[in-house]
Protein backbone atom coordinates (compact mmCIF):
# COMPACT_ATOMS: atom_id res chain seq x y z
CA MET A 1 -130.64 -22.23 -38.00
CA ARG A 2 -129.76 -25.64 -39.35
CA THR A 3 -128.38 -25.81 -42.89
CA ASN A 4 -130.44 -27.74 -45.39
CA ILE A 5 -128.22 -30.80 -45.89
CA LYS A 6 -129.25 -33.50 -48.32
CA PRO A 7 -129.30 -36.95 -46.67
CA ALA A 8 -126.44 -39.39 -47.26
CA ASN A 9 -128.64 -41.87 -49.08
CA GLY A 10 -127.19 -44.61 -51.25
CA LYS A 11 -123.58 -45.51 -51.92
CA LEU A 12 -120.63 -43.11 -51.83
CA GLY A 13 -117.91 -43.90 -54.35
CA ILE A 14 -114.45 -42.86 -53.15
CA LEU A 15 -112.17 -42.69 -56.18
CA ILE A 16 -108.45 -42.33 -55.57
CA PRO A 17 -105.77 -41.34 -58.07
CA GLY A 18 -102.75 -43.26 -56.76
CA LEU A 19 -103.50 -46.70 -55.30
CA GLY A 20 -100.22 -46.93 -53.43
CA ALA A 21 -99.36 -47.31 -49.76
CA VAL A 22 -101.74 -44.66 -48.40
CA ALA A 23 -104.73 -45.65 -50.52
CA THR A 24 -104.36 -49.39 -49.98
CA THR A 25 -103.95 -48.85 -46.25
CA LEU A 26 -107.14 -46.78 -46.25
CA ILE A 27 -109.16 -49.30 -48.27
CA ALA A 28 -107.94 -52.34 -46.34
CA GLY A 29 -108.52 -50.52 -43.07
CA VAL A 30 -112.10 -49.59 -43.89
CA GLU A 31 -112.85 -53.16 -44.97
CA ALA A 32 -111.33 -54.46 -41.72
CA VAL A 33 -113.41 -52.01 -39.69
CA LYS A 34 -116.57 -53.05 -41.56
CA LYS A 35 -115.86 -56.66 -40.60
CA GLY A 36 -115.28 -55.75 -36.97
CA LEU A 37 -111.61 -56.76 -37.14
CA SER A 38 -110.20 -53.42 -36.04
CA GLN A 39 -111.01 -49.84 -35.03
CA PRO A 40 -110.69 -46.65 -37.15
CA ILE A 41 -108.14 -45.03 -34.84
CA GLY A 42 -107.04 -41.57 -35.99
CA SER A 43 -110.28 -40.80 -37.82
CA LEU A 44 -112.10 -37.81 -36.35
CA THR A 45 -115.25 -38.67 -38.29
CA GLN A 46 -115.39 -42.16 -36.75
CA MET A 47 -113.77 -41.84 -33.31
CA GLY A 48 -113.98 -38.14 -32.46
CA SER A 49 -116.54 -36.40 -30.26
CA ILE A 50 -117.78 -32.83 -30.35
CA ARG A 51 -119.02 -30.66 -27.50
CA LEU A 52 -122.44 -29.05 -27.95
CA GLY A 53 -123.83 -26.25 -25.81
CA LYS A 54 -122.51 -25.37 -22.37
CA ARG A 55 -120.09 -27.58 -20.48
CA THR A 56 -122.75 -28.07 -17.83
CA GLU A 57 -125.02 -29.75 -20.39
CA ASN A 58 -122.56 -32.64 -20.88
CA ARG A 59 -123.43 -33.13 -24.55
CA TYR A 60 -120.50 -34.81 -26.31
CA PRO A 61 -121.85 -36.89 -29.21
CA LYS A 62 -119.64 -38.69 -31.68
CA VAL A 63 -119.09 -36.62 -34.83
CA LYS A 64 -120.59 -39.42 -36.96
CA ASP A 65 -123.73 -39.32 -34.79
CA PHE A 66 -123.98 -35.54 -34.95
CA VAL A 67 -123.62 -34.78 -38.66
CA PRO A 68 -125.12 -36.86 -41.49
CA LEU A 69 -121.99 -38.55 -42.84
CA ALA A 70 -121.91 -41.44 -45.26
CA ASN A 71 -121.77 -44.74 -43.39
CA LEU A 72 -118.63 -46.80 -43.89
CA ASN A 73 -120.79 -49.70 -45.07
CA ASP A 74 -121.98 -47.50 -47.94
CA ASN A 75 -118.47 -46.70 -49.22
CA VAL A 76 -117.26 -48.17 -52.51
CA PHE A 77 -113.60 -47.76 -53.47
CA GLY A 78 -111.91 -47.45 -56.83
CA GLY A 79 -109.14 -45.51 -58.46
CA TRP A 80 -106.27 -45.20 -60.90
CA ASP A 81 -102.63 -46.19 -60.66
CA VAL A 82 -99.55 -46.29 -62.86
CA TYR A 83 -99.15 -49.98 -61.93
CA SER A 84 -101.75 -52.66 -62.63
CA ASP A 85 -101.64 -54.47 -59.24
CA ASN A 86 -105.02 -54.85 -57.58
CA VAL A 87 -105.34 -53.36 -54.10
CA TYR A 88 -104.51 -56.64 -52.36
CA GLU A 89 -101.33 -57.07 -54.40
CA ALA A 90 -100.36 -53.42 -53.97
CA ALA A 91 -100.97 -53.57 -50.20
CA MET A 92 -98.83 -56.69 -49.88
CA LYS A 93 -96.01 -54.94 -51.75
CA ALA A 94 -96.38 -51.77 -49.67
CA LYS A 95 -95.87 -53.82 -46.49
CA VAL A 96 -97.71 -51.35 -44.29
CA LEU A 97 -100.28 -53.79 -42.89
CA GLU A 98 -99.68 -57.31 -41.63
CA PRO A 99 -100.38 -60.13 -44.14
CA GLY A 100 -102.82 -61.70 -41.69
CA LEU A 101 -105.03 -58.61 -41.72
CA LEU A 102 -104.79 -58.25 -45.50
CA ASN A 103 -105.70 -61.90 -46.01
CA ALA A 104 -108.79 -61.43 -43.84
CA VAL A 105 -110.09 -58.84 -46.36
CA LYS A 106 -108.42 -60.31 -49.45
CA ALA A 107 -111.65 -60.87 -51.36
CA GLU A 108 -112.73 -57.25 -50.87
CA LEU A 109 -109.33 -55.92 -51.93
CA GLU A 110 -108.78 -58.07 -55.01
CA VAL A 111 -111.86 -56.69 -56.73
CA VAL A 112 -110.45 -53.15 -56.62
CA VAL A 113 -108.39 -53.06 -59.80
CA PRO A 114 -106.82 -49.75 -60.85
CA MET A 115 -107.94 -48.01 -63.98
CA LYS A 116 -105.19 -46.79 -66.28
CA ALA A 117 -103.68 -43.57 -64.98
CA ALA A 118 -103.26 -40.17 -66.59
CA PHE A 119 -99.50 -39.81 -66.25
CA ASP A 120 -96.59 -37.68 -67.41
CA LYS A 121 -93.15 -38.95 -66.43
CA ASN A 122 -91.82 -35.37 -66.41
CA TYR A 123 -93.82 -34.79 -63.22
CA ALA A 124 -92.51 -37.90 -61.41
CA LYS A 125 -89.26 -38.88 -63.10
CA ASN A 126 -88.39 -41.70 -60.70
CA LEU A 127 -91.52 -43.71 -61.51
CA THR A 128 -91.58 -46.25 -64.33
CA ALA A 129 -95.26 -46.42 -65.22
CA THR A 130 -96.79 -49.47 -66.89
CA ASN A 131 -100.55 -48.85 -66.60
CA ILE A 132 -101.25 -45.51 -68.25
CA LYS A 133 -103.61 -43.83 -70.69
CA THR A 134 -102.43 -42.25 -73.93
CA GLY A 135 -103.64 -39.13 -75.67
CA THR A 136 -103.60 -35.36 -75.38
CA ARG A 137 -104.40 -33.55 -72.14
CA TYR A 138 -107.93 -32.97 -73.40
CA GLU A 139 -108.36 -36.63 -74.35
CA LEU A 140 -107.03 -37.74 -70.96
CA ALA A 141 -109.53 -35.50 -69.16
CA GLN A 142 -112.38 -36.91 -71.23
CA ALA A 143 -111.18 -40.45 -70.46
CA VAL A 144 -111.03 -39.75 -66.72
CA MET A 145 -114.57 -38.35 -66.79
CA ASP A 146 -115.70 -41.48 -68.61
CA ASP A 147 -114.00 -43.59 -65.94
CA ILE A 148 -115.84 -41.73 -63.19
CA LEU A 149 -119.25 -42.03 -64.82
CA THR A 150 -118.70 -45.71 -65.68
CA PHE A 151 -117.64 -46.48 -62.12
CA LYS A 152 -120.66 -44.64 -60.72
CA GLU A 153 -123.06 -46.59 -62.93
CA ARG A 154 -121.36 -49.98 -62.48
CA HIS A 155 -121.36 -49.74 -58.69
CA ASP A 156 -124.74 -48.01 -58.43
CA CYS A 157 -123.24 -45.04 -56.54
CA ASP A 158 -125.40 -42.11 -55.56
CA ARG A 159 -122.41 -39.77 -55.13
CA ILE A 160 -118.66 -39.68 -55.87
CA VAL A 161 -115.67 -37.93 -54.29
CA LEU A 162 -112.03 -37.89 -55.42
CA VAL A 163 -109.06 -37.83 -53.04
CA TRP A 164 -105.59 -37.49 -54.57
CA CYS A 165 -103.23 -40.01 -52.95
CA GLY A 166 -100.73 -39.98 -55.81
CA SER A 167 -97.10 -38.94 -55.75
CA THR A 168 -95.74 -35.45 -55.20
CA GLU A 169 -95.26 -33.75 -58.56
CA ILE A 170 -92.28 -31.61 -59.50
CA TYR A 171 -92.18 -28.04 -58.27
CA TYR A 172 -93.59 -25.41 -60.60
CA GLU A 173 -95.49 -22.17 -60.24
CA ALA A 174 -98.80 -21.17 -61.73
CA SER A 175 -98.57 -19.60 -65.18
CA ASP A 176 -100.95 -17.73 -67.46
CA ILE A 177 -102.87 -20.89 -68.45
CA HIS A 178 -103.82 -21.47 -64.81
CA GLN A 179 -105.34 -18.02 -64.27
CA SER A 180 -108.83 -18.63 -65.68
CA LEU A 181 -111.04 -21.54 -66.64
CA GLU A 182 -111.21 -20.33 -70.25
CA LYS A 183 -107.40 -20.32 -70.58
CA PHE A 184 -107.10 -23.67 -68.81
CA GLU A 185 -109.62 -25.39 -71.08
CA GLN A 186 -107.89 -24.00 -74.15
CA ALA A 187 -104.58 -25.29 -72.77
CA LEU A 188 -106.18 -28.74 -72.39
CA ILE A 189 -107.14 -28.68 -76.07
CA ASP A 190 -103.63 -27.47 -76.95
CA ASP A 191 -102.11 -30.35 -74.93
CA ASP A 192 -100.11 -27.83 -72.92
CA LYS A 193 -97.52 -29.68 -70.84
CA ARG A 194 -97.92 -27.13 -68.02
CA ILE A 195 -101.10 -28.99 -67.04
CA SER A 196 -100.01 -31.66 -64.59
CA PRO A 197 -101.62 -35.11 -64.23
CA SER A 198 -103.19 -34.14 -60.89
CA MET A 199 -104.85 -31.15 -62.57
CA ILE A 200 -106.39 -33.48 -65.16
CA TYR A 201 -108.06 -35.48 -62.38
CA ALA A 202 -109.14 -32.36 -60.52
CA TYR A 203 -110.60 -30.76 -63.64
CA SER A 204 -112.43 -33.96 -64.57
CA ALA A 205 -113.97 -34.24 -61.11
CA LEU A 206 -114.98 -30.61 -60.79
CA LYS A 207 -116.41 -30.51 -64.31
CA LEU A 208 -118.76 -33.28 -63.17
CA GLY A 209 -119.57 -31.47 -59.90
CA ILE A 210 -117.57 -33.99 -57.85
CA PRO A 211 -115.61 -32.86 -54.74
CA PHE A 212 -111.82 -33.07 -54.93
CA ALA A 213 -109.34 -33.18 -52.03
CA ASN A 214 -105.61 -32.95 -52.66
CA GLY A 215 -103.37 -35.03 -50.38
CA ALA A 216 -100.07 -33.91 -51.94
CA PRO A 217 -98.32 -30.51 -52.07
CA ASN A 218 -98.98 -30.15 -55.82
CA LEU A 219 -100.71 -27.00 -57.10
CA THR A 220 -103.60 -29.10 -58.49
CA VAL A 221 -106.71 -27.19 -57.30
CA ASP A 222 -104.76 -24.27 -55.81
CA ILE A 223 -105.04 -22.18 -58.99
CA PRO A 224 -107.63 -19.59 -60.08
CA ALA A 225 -108.93 -21.80 -62.91
CA MET A 226 -109.89 -24.65 -60.56
CA ILE A 227 -111.37 -22.30 -57.99
CA GLU A 228 -113.48 -20.74 -60.74
CA LEU A 229 -114.64 -24.18 -61.92
CA ALA A 230 -115.46 -25.26 -58.36
CA LYS A 231 -117.66 -22.19 -57.91
CA LEU A 232 -119.28 -22.69 -61.31
CA THR A 233 -120.28 -26.29 -60.56
CA GLU A 234 -120.93 -25.56 -56.84
CA THR A 235 -118.35 -28.13 -55.77
CA PRO A 236 -116.09 -28.27 -52.70
CA ILE A 237 -112.30 -28.41 -53.01
CA ALA A 238 -109.69 -28.92 -50.28
CA GLY A 239 -105.90 -28.95 -50.32
CA LYS A 240 -103.12 -29.45 -49.92
CA ASP A 241 -100.80 -32.21 -48.58
CA PHE A 242 -101.86 -34.64 -45.84
CA LYS A 243 -100.57 -33.45 -42.45
CA THR A 244 -98.69 -36.45 -41.09
CA GLY A 245 -95.43 -37.17 -39.28
CA GLN A 246 -93.01 -34.34 -38.71
CA THR A 247 -95.30 -31.51 -39.78
CA LEU A 248 -98.04 -32.82 -37.50
CA MET A 249 -95.61 -32.53 -34.59
CA LYS A 250 -94.66 -28.99 -35.64
CA THR A 251 -98.26 -27.82 -35.71
CA ILE A 252 -98.72 -29.25 -32.22
CA LEU A 253 -95.48 -27.99 -30.65
CA ALA A 254 -94.92 -24.61 -32.33
CA PRO A 255 -98.29 -23.16 -31.16
CA GLY A 256 -97.34 -24.12 -27.58
CA LEU A 257 -94.00 -22.32 -27.80
CA ALA A 258 -95.66 -19.27 -29.34
CA ALA A 259 -98.42 -19.32 -26.70
CA ARG A 260 -95.77 -19.07 -23.94
CA SER A 261 -93.76 -16.42 -25.84
CA LEU A 262 -90.70 -18.65 -25.93
CA GLY A 263 -88.17 -17.81 -28.62
CA VAL A 264 -86.97 -20.15 -31.35
CA ARG A 265 -83.52 -19.69 -32.88
CA GLY A 266 -83.37 -22.76 -35.06
CA TRP A 267 -85.41 -25.78 -36.12
CA PHE A 268 -83.59 -28.54 -37.99
CA SER A 269 -85.72 -31.36 -39.41
CA THR A 270 -84.61 -34.47 -41.22
CA ASN A 271 -86.53 -37.55 -42.41
CA ILE A 272 -85.84 -40.95 -43.87
CA LEU A 273 -88.41 -43.15 -45.60
CA GLY A 274 -88.38 -45.84 -48.22
CA ASN A 275 -91.83 -46.09 -49.81
CA ARG A 276 -92.90 -44.91 -53.27
CA ASP A 277 -93.27 -41.38 -51.94
CA GLY A 278 -89.65 -41.50 -50.76
CA LEU A 279 -88.53 -42.72 -54.17
CA VAL A 280 -90.33 -39.86 -55.93
CA LEU A 281 -88.98 -37.30 -53.44
CA ASP A 282 -85.46 -38.53 -54.14
CA ASP A 283 -85.61 -36.31 -57.21
CA PRO A 284 -84.69 -32.68 -56.33
CA ASP A 285 -87.53 -31.21 -58.41
CA ASN A 286 -90.14 -33.26 -56.54
CA PHE A 287 -88.49 -32.64 -53.17
CA LYS A 288 -88.72 -28.87 -53.68
CA THR A 289 -92.52 -29.14 -53.91
CA LYS A 290 -92.59 -30.93 -50.56
CA GLU A 291 -90.01 -28.60 -49.02
CA VAL A 292 -92.01 -25.48 -49.86
CA SER A 293 -95.09 -27.09 -48.29
CA LYS A 294 -93.24 -28.01 -45.09
CA LEU A 295 -91.23 -24.79 -44.73
CA GLY A 296 -94.26 -22.51 -44.60
CA VAL A 297 -95.74 -24.10 -41.47
CA LEU A 298 -93.45 -22.52 -38.86
CA GLU A 299 -93.50 -19.08 -40.44
CA ASP A 300 -97.30 -19.09 -40.52
CA ILE A 301 -97.53 -20.12 -36.85
CA LEU A 302 -94.67 -18.08 -35.36
CA ARG A 303 -95.02 -14.98 -37.60
CA PRO A 304 -91.42 -13.70 -37.45
CA ALA A 305 -92.34 -10.31 -38.91
CA ASP A 306 -94.79 -9.70 -36.03
CA ASN A 307 -92.49 -11.20 -33.35
CA PRO A 308 -88.94 -10.29 -34.42
CA GLU A 309 -87.47 -10.53 -30.91
CA LEU A 310 -88.60 -14.15 -30.60
CA TYR A 311 -88.49 -15.51 -34.14
CA GLY A 312 -86.82 -12.90 -36.35
CA ASP A 313 -83.58 -14.90 -36.61
CA LEU A 314 -85.19 -18.32 -36.95
CA TYR A 315 -83.20 -20.76 -39.10
CA HIS A 316 -85.41 -23.53 -40.46
CA LYS A 317 -83.88 -26.44 -42.39
CA ILE A 318 -85.62 -29.56 -43.77
CA ARG A 319 -84.15 -32.70 -45.31
CA ILE A 320 -85.81 -35.87 -46.67
CA ASP A 321 -83.69 -38.86 -47.65
CA TYR A 322 -84.81 -41.98 -49.46
CA TYR A 323 -83.89 -45.06 -47.41
CA PRO A 324 -85.44 -48.26 -48.83
CA PRO A 325 -84.91 -50.51 -45.74
CA HIS A 326 -87.41 -48.40 -43.76
CA GLY A 327 -90.20 -48.84 -46.28
CA ASP A 328 -93.31 -46.96 -45.13
CA ASN A 329 -91.91 -46.52 -41.62
CA LYS A 330 -90.85 -42.90 -41.73
CA GLU A 331 -88.37 -41.73 -39.10
CA SER A 332 -87.89 -38.05 -38.35
CA TRP A 333 -85.53 -36.12 -36.11
CA ASP A 334 -86.04 -32.54 -34.98
CA ASN A 335 -83.51 -30.40 -33.16
CA ILE A 336 -85.10 -27.21 -31.84
CA ASP A 337 -83.00 -24.44 -30.32
CA ILE A 338 -85.21 -22.30 -28.11
CA PHE A 339 -84.60 -19.53 -25.57
CA GLY A 340 -86.53 -18.28 -22.59
CA TRP A 341 -86.37 -15.76 -19.75
CA LEU A 342 -83.47 -13.30 -20.20
CA GLY A 343 -82.47 -15.10 -23.39
CA TYR A 344 -81.22 -18.29 -21.72
CA LYS A 345 -80.86 -21.13 -24.23
CA MET A 346 -82.63 -24.51 -24.15
CA GLN A 347 -83.15 -27.40 -26.59
CA ILE A 348 -85.90 -29.80 -27.58
CA LYS A 349 -85.11 -33.00 -29.48
CA ILE A 350 -87.74 -35.23 -31.07
CA ASN A 351 -87.26 -38.65 -32.65
CA PHE A 352 -90.58 -39.67 -34.21
CA LEU A 353 -90.74 -43.24 -35.52
CA CYS A 354 -94.03 -43.05 -37.32
CA ARG A 355 -95.83 -44.99 -40.02
CA ASP A 356 -96.60 -42.63 -42.85
CA SER A 357 -99.62 -44.42 -44.31
CA ILE A 358 -101.06 -45.29 -40.89
CA LEU A 359 -101.24 -41.56 -40.17
CA ALA A 360 -102.42 -40.59 -43.66
CA ALA A 361 -105.15 -43.20 -44.19
CA PRO A 362 -107.65 -41.77 -41.64
CA ILE A 363 -106.98 -38.28 -43.01
CA ALA A 364 -107.93 -39.45 -46.50
CA LEU A 365 -111.08 -41.07 -45.12
CA ASP A 366 -112.15 -37.96 -43.22
CA LEU A 367 -111.50 -35.69 -46.19
CA ALA A 368 -113.63 -37.95 -48.38
CA LEU A 369 -116.54 -38.05 -45.92
CA PHE A 370 -116.39 -34.34 -45.05
CA SER A 371 -116.09 -33.35 -48.74
CA ASP A 372 -119.22 -35.37 -49.45
CA LEU A 373 -120.96 -33.66 -46.53
CA ALA A 374 -119.88 -30.25 -47.85
CA LYS A 375 -121.34 -31.03 -51.28
CA ARG A 376 -124.65 -32.12 -49.76
CA ALA A 377 -124.67 -28.96 -47.63
CA ASN A 378 -124.23 -26.77 -50.75
CA LEU A 379 -120.77 -25.57 -49.71
CA SER A 380 -118.61 -24.82 -52.72
CA GLY A 381 -115.09 -23.68 -53.48
CA ILE A 382 -112.26 -23.77 -50.95
CA GLN A 383 -113.17 -25.58 -47.72
CA GLU A 384 -110.77 -23.90 -45.32
CA TRP A 385 -112.41 -25.66 -42.36
CA LEU A 386 -110.66 -28.84 -43.57
CA SER A 387 -107.22 -27.24 -43.01
CA PHE A 388 -107.02 -29.40 -39.88
CA TYR A 389 -105.90 -32.28 -42.11
CA LEU A 390 -103.53 -30.41 -44.41
CA LYS A 391 -99.91 -29.36 -44.31
CA SER A 392 -100.19 -26.35 -46.59
CA PRO A 393 -103.82 -25.22 -46.28
CA GLN A 394 -105.47 -23.65 -49.28
CA THR A 395 -107.13 -20.31 -48.56
CA ALA A 396 -108.92 -17.59 -50.47
CA PRO A 397 -106.55 -15.17 -52.23
CA GLY A 398 -104.98 -12.72 -49.80
CA LEU A 399 -105.85 -14.75 -46.71
CA HIS A 400 -103.07 -15.88 -44.39
CA PRO A 401 -103.28 -19.67 -43.83
CA GLU A 402 -103.91 -20.89 -40.28
CA ASN A 403 -101.52 -23.73 -39.39
CA ASP A 404 -102.11 -23.92 -35.62
CA ILE A 405 -103.76 -27.35 -35.30
CA PHE A 406 -105.76 -26.29 -32.24
CA LYS A 407 -107.25 -23.27 -34.01
CA GLN A 408 -107.90 -25.48 -37.03
CA LEU A 409 -109.83 -27.92 -34.85
CA ILE A 410 -111.96 -25.12 -33.40
CA LYS A 411 -112.74 -23.93 -36.94
CA LEU A 412 -113.68 -27.45 -38.05
CA GLN A 413 -115.90 -28.09 -35.05
CA ASN A 414 -117.61 -24.69 -35.28
CA THR A 415 -118.31 -25.33 -38.96
CA LEU A 416 -120.07 -28.57 -38.02
CA ARG A 417 -122.01 -26.79 -35.27
CA HIS A 418 -123.00 -24.07 -37.75
CA LEU A 419 -124.21 -26.61 -40.31
CA MET A 420 -126.35 -28.33 -37.69
CA GLY A 421 -127.79 -25.15 -36.18
CA GLU A 422 -125.94 -25.42 -32.85
CA ASP A 423 -124.40 -22.46 -31.01
CA LEU A 424 -120.77 -21.78 -31.85
CA ILE A 425 -118.37 -22.19 -28.95
CA THR A 426 -115.87 -19.43 -28.16
CA HIS A 427 -114.45 -21.01 -24.98
CA LEU A 428 -114.85 -17.63 -23.24
CA GLY A 429 -116.70 -19.15 -20.30
CA LEU A 430 -117.51 -15.90 -18.50
CA ASP A 431 -121.22 -16.67 -18.45
CA TYR A 432 -120.69 -19.54 -15.99
CA TYR A 433 -119.12 -17.21 -13.48
CA GLN A 434 -121.60 -14.40 -14.05
CA GLU A 435 -124.35 -16.89 -13.20
CA LEU A 436 -122.62 -17.58 -9.87
CA VAL A 437 -122.48 -13.85 -9.15
CA ASP A 438 -126.14 -13.46 -10.00
CA VAL A 439 -127.04 -16.32 -7.65
CA LEU A 440 -125.07 -14.75 -4.81
């Protein structure tokens, strides 16, 4: 039975805390696509297809033609940043996209001017902010809510979603104030410094019933208080950390090794990058947040406790170094020591010269469009089916996260089929062959 999904009428406002390299690449890219200057490569919502029914039916519509997503022409962008540069200026400084492309959409980008950010330097010590709000945590949350409502009215938006594209915050663990909505709201009033800037944005969005997706490894919505608020306002949340670069490769390769029961003795990963994210991660406290996010991927896929002969002695090391000359062009190296039949040793070496924001921008777009779909479909709380896009997927308490990208894709596609009343696909395929037997 098809889910009752409200139509995607009117404009969708996509508000982004952090109008840096990822966000400006997303906004400029969407404007270029709308003008027919380029294609939205890497976006499942725009380029991907989905199989419906049996293979013999040959039904493979585009995802955007199958589910009622907001049209790119109906998207309106805005956001907050610690610097006052408009999106055109910020994109030129980020140096991700060619000036020729940016100049072709200059008019559309210049009108996107960042609102003053809710910021606490203790959470990103390497940033020198110049465009920030002042006040207590409670006052900042009220100001962000005012920003959202003003933006919605000014741009005549029917709906709003928030996607965090800001910097990685310092590592910290949930405390007592994060355990319930009542305690969290009291902590806001008390201006408790254990409430991070990203939590202020998430709270503000969820309080207004607006979906929130977290593109960084911060706790943000991955605390009981936010989950409680999301359920209370019937609002979807998704997190955390965009799956790009090195971790993307791990979630592709590690499931293949595990599928063939090949052992892994060691996996050494190192990265260099020079964008704002690299600058922030140059601080050990911020790097630890990213490290924890990246380290959990292999353990979740390989499950050393369940496969001690193959992965029980796995040594996994990750490094990230700030290297300004590379800018947004992240380079990663992986050395993987594996072993096969009778314990004979082999190696895999990967040198991935990727572009961080080029990989992240379509993820941010898809999360925005799917979060809006989830809200219109009355899905609330944690949207685990969006784990496909995330490095450290948020799950319900007690649930083991699924990091295998192929299983994540099956879950995402089956969720879309379920919403649209189509049969789920198990890939068992025995019915085709039973039909042949019956014919004979």
